[in-house]
Amino acid sequence: MNSTNCPKYEAHRRAPNFEARLIQGLGFRLQFSQFPASSSFSIPPIRFQMGKKRKHTETEAAASLKKDETAEERPKRTLLGWKNNDEDDKIQNGSVGFRNKEKVLVTCSRRISFRYRHLMLNLVDLLPHCKKDNKVESKESKGATLNELVELKSCSSCLFFECRKGKDLYLWMAKCPNGPSVKFLVNAVHTMEELKLTGNHLKGSRPILTFSSNFDKKPHFQLLKEMITQIFGTPKDHRKSKPYHDNIFVFSITDDHIWFRNYQISCPQSGGQKIDRGDLEKMTLVEVGPRFCLNPIKIFGGSFGGPTLFENPFYVSPNQIRSLEKKQKAGKYAKKVKAKTRRKMHEMENPLEVDEFADMWKE
């Protein structure tokens, strides 16, 4: 018997939801045309369709449901410590505040003396966010060269120690590449090797910057305070810095000169791991070094040049000081020569009388 003449098949074919039950039995997505009204029956051609690819959001949602059903997720470990999911949400939402990424390039000119080179190395040890580079030739085009070096090293500031005549040390403090920049004359240099002080703090710790009240009285000192804060302040969470403070950088103004001192924070402990309030009151400062004095010469609007924003009217160059000292020494010699001539003239005008007893013992 053919399937088309079977009465049971005809009853099933005419029953409601026949197509849906047939699709469920096959397990595929099929498209059927309308069955003909005639008694003959033929199976229409089957069209297969690929299932849609699951979206990435659906997979993430499924994964999150699985994680919630199991244990809590462990926080991620980074170079800065353990990272929570709350911090990730803040980063994704863009609610994270400003992050200081200050980097300072420290370099010097050729033919620098050993004392000034040791001072530069001491500052390199005190600033964990700095990068040291090779010596640069001290020429008129040094500004363009230093700006290129700062850009290659991915830095934003520069400390350039320029030595002239093997005696005079100038310090350029610049924000690259747009400025401003300051030129200082460095005096009263004392390195750590020379001082041999008892203070000692951990290398890479973040310093506390303190300024005297004179910095807020004049506008050029306010600008210098901001530049010093940005260059000497170690950024938070820097990979080479330690996450605590145990030293202080002191900048004070005396006679329009900026004096630098570095102190260790010494706090006596009573024996326990925690520090008592009584021990905090007994906190003292012990000097570490180095020492130097900065005499501001000019403040420029650009990086290593540009329009002059400020010029120190009381600045006297070391060459002028040495020339005045030579003139004073030359005046002393001229005075000696004049004194000798006056003495000879006095002896000629006032000769000595002949002594009666001069030849008495010759006989």
Protein backbone atom coordinates (compact mmCIF):
# COMPACT_ATOMS: atom_id res chain seq x y z
CA MET A 1 0.00 0.00 0.00
CA ASN A 2 1.35 3.49 -0.86
CA SER A 3 1.68 6.18 1.80
CA THR A 4 -0.64 8.47 -0.23
CA ASN A 5 -3.54 5.94 -0.06
CA CYS A 6 -3.12 5.26 3.68
CA PRO A 7 -6.16 6.51 5.64
CA LYS A 8 -4.13 7.00 8.85
CA TYR A 9 -1.64 9.27 7.07
CA GLU A 10 -4.47 11.30 5.59
CA ALA A 11 -5.95 11.76 9.07
CA HIS A 12 -2.59 12.94 10.47
CA ARG A 13 -2.07 15.24 7.50
CA ARG A 14 -5.38 16.95 8.03
CA ALA A 15 -4.90 17.25 11.82
CA PRO A 16 -4.00 20.70 13.24
CA ASN A 17 -0.31 21.65 13.93
CA PHE A 18 0.90 18.94 11.61
CA GLU A 19 3.78 21.06 10.27
CA ALA A 20 5.01 22.06 13.72
CA ARG A 21 5.04 18.46 14.93
CA LEU A 22 6.88 17.37 11.82
CA ILE A 23 9.55 20.08 12.37
CA GLN A 24 10.01 19.01 16.00
CA GLY A 25 10.49 15.44 14.91
CA LEU A 26 13.14 16.32 12.32
CA GLY A 27 15.02 18.74 14.61
CA PHE A 28 15.76 21.24 11.81
CA ARG A 29 14.25 24.49 10.64
CA LEU A 30 12.11 23.62 7.62
CA GLN A 31 9.95 25.65 5.35
CA PHE A 32 6.89 23.89 3.90
CA SER A 33 4.68 25.07 1.14
CA GLN A 34 0.92 24.75 1.50
CA PHE A 35 -0.23 21.19 1.02
CA PRO A 36 -2.33 20.66 -2.12
CA ALA A 37 -6.01 19.94 -1.77
CA SER A 38 -5.78 16.89 -4.03
CA SER A 39 -5.50 13.41 -2.62
CA SER A 40 -1.95 12.98 -3.88
CA PHE A 41 0.76 14.03 -1.41
CA SER A 42 4.45 14.80 -2.05
CA ILE A 43 7.09 15.98 0.44
CA PRO A 44 8.30 19.50 -0.50
CA PRO A 45 12.02 20.26 -0.81
CA ILE A 46 13.79 20.88 2.52
CA ARG A 47 15.77 24.09 3.04
CA PHE A 48 18.38 24.09 5.78
CA GLN A 49 19.36 27.35 7.57
CA MET A 50 22.46 27.82 9.75
CA GLY A 51 21.85 28.87 13.33
CA LYS A 52 22.74 32.46 14.23
CA LYS A 53 26.11 33.07 15.93
CA ARG A 54 25.81 33.90 19.59
CA LYS A 55 26.65 37.49 20.38
CA HIS A 56 29.64 38.42 22.56
CA THR A 57 27.40 40.06 25.13
CA GLU A 58 25.38 36.85 25.52
CA THR A 59 28.56 34.84 26.15
CA GLU A 60 29.73 37.39 28.74
CA ALA A 61 26.36 37.24 30.44
CA ALA A 62 26.46 33.45 30.51
CA ALA A 63 30.01 33.49 31.88
CA SER A 64 29.03 35.98 34.60
CA LEU A 65 26.10 33.77 35.61
CA LYS A 66 28.43 30.81 35.90
CA LYS A 67 30.87 32.84 38.01
CA ASP A 68 28.07 34.00 40.32
CA GLU A 69 26.90 30.46 40.80
CA THR A 70 30.44 29.36 41.78
CA ALA A 71 32.91 31.13 44.12
CA GLU A 72 33.89 34.83 44.10
CA GLU A 73 36.44 35.94 41.55
CA ARG A 74 39.97 36.54 42.82
CA PRO A 75 41.28 40.12 42.34
CA LYS A 76 43.84 40.62 39.60
CA ARG A 77 47.45 41.08 40.60
CA THR A 78 49.36 43.94 38.95
CA LEU A 79 52.69 45.65 39.43
CA LEU A 80 51.04 48.13 41.78
CA GLY A 81 49.37 45.45 43.93
CA TRP A 82 45.99 43.69 43.95
CA LYS A 83 43.38 45.23 41.66
CA ASN A 84 39.67 45.06 42.54
CA ASN A 85 36.74 45.00 40.15
CA ASP A 86 35.58 48.38 41.47
CA GLU A 87 38.74 49.99 40.08
CA ASP A 88 38.08 48.34 36.71
CA ASP A 89 34.57 49.79 36.65
CA LYS A 90 35.96 53.26 37.43
CA ILE A 91 38.47 52.94 34.59
CA GLN A 92 35.77 51.82 32.14
CA ASN A 93 33.42 54.62 33.17
CA GLY A 94 36.21 57.17 32.83
CA SER A 95 35.86 58.47 36.41
CA VAL A 96 39.58 58.12 37.20
CA GLY A 97 41.25 61.44 38.08
CA PHE A 98 44.50 62.95 36.81
CA ARG A 99 47.52 60.65 37.00
CA ASN A 100 50.93 62.26 37.24
CA LYS A 101 53.30 60.82 34.62
CA GLU A 102 56.15 63.26 35.11
CA LYS A 103 59.57 62.11 33.89
CA VAL A 104 62.72 64.21 34.14
CA LEU A 105 65.77 63.98 31.90
CA VAL A 106 69.02 64.74 33.79
CA THR A 107 72.17 65.40 31.77
CA CYS A 108 75.24 67.61 31.74
CA SER A 109 77.66 69.31 29.38
CA ARG A 110 81.10 68.08 28.40
CA ARG A 111 84.23 69.03 30.36
CA ILE A 112 82.29 69.15 33.65
CA SER A 113 84.34 68.95 36.85
CA PHE A 114 84.13 65.95 39.18
CA ARG A 115 82.42 67.88 42.03
CA TYR A 116 79.61 69.05 39.79
CA ARG A 117 79.25 65.60 38.26
CA HIS A 118 78.90 64.11 41.76
CA LEU A 119 76.19 66.69 42.53
CA MET A 120 74.29 65.61 39.42
CA LEU A 121 74.58 61.93 40.42
CA ASN A 122 73.31 62.75 43.91
CA LEU A 123 70.20 64.33 42.39
CA VAL A 124 69.74 61.29 40.16
CA ASP A 125 69.70 59.11 43.29
CA LEU A 126 67.15 61.39 44.95
CA LEU A 127 64.74 61.45 41.97
CA PRO A 128 63.46 57.94 41.09
CA HIS A 129 61.37 59.32 38.20
CA CYS A 130 64.38 60.74 36.32
CA LYS A 131 66.36 59.38 33.39
CA LYS A 132 70.08 59.98 32.96
CA ASP A 133 71.58 60.55 29.52
CA ASN A 134 75.00 61.09 27.96
CA LYS A 135 76.82 64.42 27.97
CA VAL A 136 75.73 67.12 25.55
CA GLU A 137 77.99 69.67 23.87
CA SER A 138 77.44 73.13 25.33
CA LYS A 139 76.77 75.23 22.21
CA GLU A 140 74.23 77.74 21.01
CA SER A 141 72.17 74.92 19.45
CA LYS A 142 71.98 72.90 22.68
CA GLY A 143 68.31 73.82 23.12
CA ALA A 144 67.16 71.98 19.99
CA THR A 145 69.37 69.00 20.85
CA LEU A 146 68.00 68.75 24.38
CA ASN A 147 64.40 69.04 23.18
CA GLU A 148 64.98 66.12 20.81
CA LEU A 149 66.55 64.06 23.62
CA VAL A 150 63.62 64.80 25.92
CA GLU A 151 61.18 63.68 23.23
CA LEU A 152 63.16 60.50 22.50
CA LYS A 153 63.28 59.61 26.20
CA SER A 154 59.51 60.27 26.60
CA CYS A 155 60.16 62.89 29.29
CA SER A 156 58.34 66.11 30.07
CA SER A 157 61.05 68.06 31.94
CA CYS A 158 64.81 68.51 31.83
CA LEU A 159 67.63 69.35 34.27
CA PHE A 160 70.76 70.37 32.36
CA PHE A 161 74.02 71.03 34.23
CA GLU A 162 76.22 73.33 32.15
CA CYS A 163 79.82 73.87 33.23
CA ARG A 164 81.87 76.74 31.80
CA LYS A 165 85.62 77.34 32.17
CA GLY A 166 85.75 74.38 34.55
CA LYS A 167 84.64 76.69 37.39
CA ASP A 168 81.11 78.00 36.88
CA LEU A 169 78.07 75.72 37.05
CA TYR A 170 74.76 76.73 35.50
CA LEU A 171 71.54 74.75 35.95
CA TRP A 172 68.82 74.82 33.27
CA MET A 173 65.40 73.79 34.54
CA ALA A 174 62.95 73.46 31.64
CA LYS A 175 59.49 72.12 30.81
CA CYS A 176 59.65 70.60 27.35
CA PRO A 177 58.74 71.26 24.61
CA ASN A 178 56.68 74.42 25.21
CA GLY A 179 58.44 75.91 28.23
CA PRO A 180 58.94 77.81 30.44
CA SER A 181 62.61 77.43 31.35
CA VAL A 182 64.86 78.94 34.02
CA LYS A 183 68.61 79.46 34.10
CA PHE A 184 70.32 79.36 37.53
CA LEU A 185 73.84 79.95 38.73
CA VAL A 186 74.75 77.20 41.22
CA ASN A 187 76.81 78.26 44.25
CA ALA A 188 77.87 76.74 47.58
CA VAL A 189 77.97 73.18 46.25
CA HIS A 190 78.51 70.40 48.83
CA THR A 191 78.00 66.78 47.72
CA MET A 192 77.13 63.80 49.92
CA GLU A 193 80.67 62.48 49.63
CA GLU A 194 82.10 65.73 51.03
CA LEU A 195 79.64 66.24 53.87
CA LYS A 196 79.53 62.69 55.31
CA LEU A 197 76.42 63.46 57.37
CA THR A 198 74.70 60.93 59.63
CA GLY A 199 71.29 61.12 57.92
CA ASN A 200 70.20 58.23 55.72
CA HIS A 201 66.90 57.47 54.02
CA LEU A 202 65.77 54.74 51.66
CA LYS A 203 66.49 55.18 47.99
CA GLY A 204 63.37 55.80 45.90
CA SER A 205 61.11 57.06 48.70
CA ARG A 206 58.79 59.95 47.88
CA PRO A 207 59.98 63.26 49.38
CA ILE A 208 57.84 65.90 51.06
CA LEU A 209 58.46 69.30 49.45
CA THR A 210 58.48 72.32 51.76
CA PHE A 211 58.80 75.96 50.69
CA SER A 212 59.35 79.11 52.67
CA SER A 213 56.65 81.78 52.77
CA ASN A 214 58.76 84.07 50.53
CA PHE A 215 57.76 82.04 47.46
CA ASP A 216 54.24 83.53 47.54
CA LYS A 217 55.30 87.20 47.65
CA LYS A 218 56.61 87.70 44.09
CA PRO A 219 55.18 86.29 40.83
CA HIS A 220 58.49 84.94 39.48
CA PHE A 221 59.03 83.00 42.72
CA GLN A 222 55.51 81.57 42.39
CA LEU A 223 56.41 80.32 38.92
CA LEU A 224 59.65 78.81 40.25
CA LYS A 225 57.73 77.10 43.06
CA GLU A 226 55.36 75.45 40.57
CA MET A 227 58.24 74.28 38.36
CA ILE A 228 60.20 72.88 41.32
CA THR A 229 57.06 71.09 42.57
CA GLN A 230 56.51 69.40 39.22
CA ILE A 231 60.16 68.43 38.65
CA PHE A 232 61.27 67.39 42.16
CA GLY A 233 57.97 65.83 43.25
CA THR A 234 57.96 62.06 42.70
CA PRO A 235 54.68 60.88 41.06
CA LYS A 236 52.42 58.61 43.05
CA ASP A 237 52.53 54.89 42.17
CA HIS A 238 55.70 55.31 40.12
CA ARG A 239 57.28 51.92 39.45
CA LYS A 240 60.66 52.92 40.90
CA SER A 241 59.35 54.78 43.94
CA LYS A 242 58.49 53.48 47.40
CA PRO A 243 54.93 54.12 48.69
CA TYR A 244 55.89 56.16 51.77
CA HIS A 245 57.67 59.35 52.85
CA ASP A 246 60.85 59.36 54.94
CA ASN A 247 62.67 62.49 53.72
CA ILE A 248 61.98 66.18 53.16
CA PHE A 249 63.23 68.57 50.46
CA VAL A 250 63.49 72.10 51.87
CA PHE A 251 63.56 75.12 49.52
CA SER A 252 64.08 78.46 51.25
CA ILE A 253 64.77 81.97 49.93
CA THR A 254 67.50 84.14 51.45
CA ASP A 255 68.89 87.25 49.69
CA ASP A 256 66.93 86.31 46.54
CA HIS A 257 68.78 82.96 46.41
CA ILE A 258 67.08 79.54 46.66
CA TRP A 259 68.82 77.24 49.16
CA PHE A 260 68.28 73.47 48.97
CA ARG A 261 68.51 71.02 51.89
CA ASN A 262 67.56 67.34 52.20
CA TYR A 263 66.56 65.91 55.60
CA GLN A 264 65.68 62.45 56.86
CA ILE A 265 62.59 62.06 59.05
CA SER A 266 63.88 60.30 62.16
CA CYS A 267 61.25 58.95 64.53
CA PRO A 268 62.32 56.98 67.66
CA GLN A 269 60.27 53.85 68.31
CA SER A 270 59.39 52.47 71.73
CA GLY A 271 59.92 48.87 70.62
CA GLY A 272 56.60 47.88 69.04
CA GLN A 273 55.75 47.67 65.37
CA LYS A 274 53.32 50.61 65.52
CA ILE A 275 54.45 54.14 66.28
CA ASP A 276 52.83 55.81 69.29
CA ARG A 277 51.69 59.41 69.34
CA GLY A 278 54.35 60.19 71.90
CA ASP A 279 57.00 59.00 69.45
CA LEU A 280 55.56 61.22 66.72
CA GLU A 281 56.02 64.27 68.96
CA LYS A 282 59.69 63.36 69.37
CA MET A 283 60.21 63.27 65.58
CA THR A 284 63.44 64.96 64.45
CA LEU A 285 65.13 65.84 61.16
CA VAL A 286 68.64 64.67 60.29
CA GLU A 287 70.38 66.22 57.28
CA VAL A 288 71.42 63.89 54.49
CA GLY A 289 72.73 66.16 51.71
CA PRO A 290 73.58 67.42 49.17
CA ARG A 291 73.61 71.21 49.60
CA PHE A 292 73.54 73.86 46.93
CA CYS A 293 72.31 77.39 46.27
CA LEU A 294 70.44 78.54 43.15
CA ASN A 295 70.73 82.12 41.94
CA PRO A 296 68.03 82.79 39.29
CA ILE A 297 69.37 84.64 36.24
CA LYS A 298 66.56 84.61 33.65
CA ILE A 299 63.17 83.02 33.07
CA PHE A 300 62.32 82.30 29.43
CA GLY A 301 58.91 81.71 27.89
CA GLY A 302 60.05 78.76 25.76
CA SER A 303 62.13 75.65 26.30
CA PHE A 304 65.83 76.66 26.57
CA GLY A 305 65.04 80.04 25.02
CA GLY A 306 62.26 82.30 23.85
CA PRO A 307 60.98 85.62 25.18
CA THR A 308 62.42 86.77 28.52
CA LEU A 309 59.77 86.76 31.25
CA PHE A 310 62.05 87.81 34.12
CA GLU A 311 65.64 89.02 34.48
CA ASN A 312 67.43 89.33 37.80
CA PRO A 313 68.63 92.96 38.14
CA PHE A 314 71.04 92.08 40.98
CA TYR A 315 72.82 89.27 39.15
CA VAL A 316 76.57 89.65 38.66
CA SER A 317 78.31 87.07 36.47
CA PRO A 318 81.34 85.19 37.86
CA ASN A 319 83.52 86.68 35.09
CA GLN A 320 82.83 90.20 36.36
CA ILE A 321 83.60 89.14 39.93
CA ARG A 322 86.93 87.64 38.86
CA SER A 323 87.83 90.74 36.83
CA LEU A 324 87.10 92.97 39.83
CA GLU A 325 89.28 90.77 42.02
CA LYS A 326 92.12 91.06 39.50
CA LYS A 327 91.75 94.84 39.44
CA GLN A 328 91.92 94.93 43.21
CA LYS A 329 95.08 92.82 43.15
CA ALA A 330 96.53 95.04 40.44
CA GLY A 331 95.78 98.10 42.63
CA LYS A 332 97.67 96.52 45.51
CA TYR A 333 100.76 96.02 43.35
CA ALA A 334 100.58 99.61 42.08
CA LYS A 335 100.40 100.82 45.68
CA LYS A 336 103.54 98.81 46.52
CA VAL A 337 105.45 100.35 43.59
CA LYS A 338 104.41 103.85 44.60
CA ALA A 339 105.47 103.21 48.18
CA LYS A 340 108.96 102.12 47.03
CA THR A 341 109.43 105.24 44.92
CA ARG A 342 108.29 107.47 47.77
CA ARG A 343 110.78 105.78 50.08
CA LYS A 344 113.67 106.35 47.67
CA MET A 345 112.74 110.00 47.22
CA HIS A 346 112.58 110.45 50.98
CA GLU A 347 116.03 108.90 51.43
CA MET A 348 117.49 111.15 48.75
CA GLU A 349 115.96 114.28 50.28
CA ASN A 350 116.96 113.40 53.84
CA PRO A 351 120.47 111.84 53.74
CA LEU A 352 122.03 110.56 56.97
CA GLU A 353 124.81 112.55 58.72
CA VAL A 354 128.34 111.10 58.82
CA ASP A 355 129.08 109.31 62.07
CA GLU A 356 132.23 110.38 63.94
CA PHE A 357 132.90 106.95 65.38
CA ALA A 358 132.29 104.98 62.17
CA ASP A 359 136.04 104.36 61.48
CA MET A 360 137.18 104.02 65.06
CA TRP A 361 137.58 100.21 65.13
CA LYS A 362 139.13 99.91 61.67
CA GLU A 363 142.57 100.99 62.94
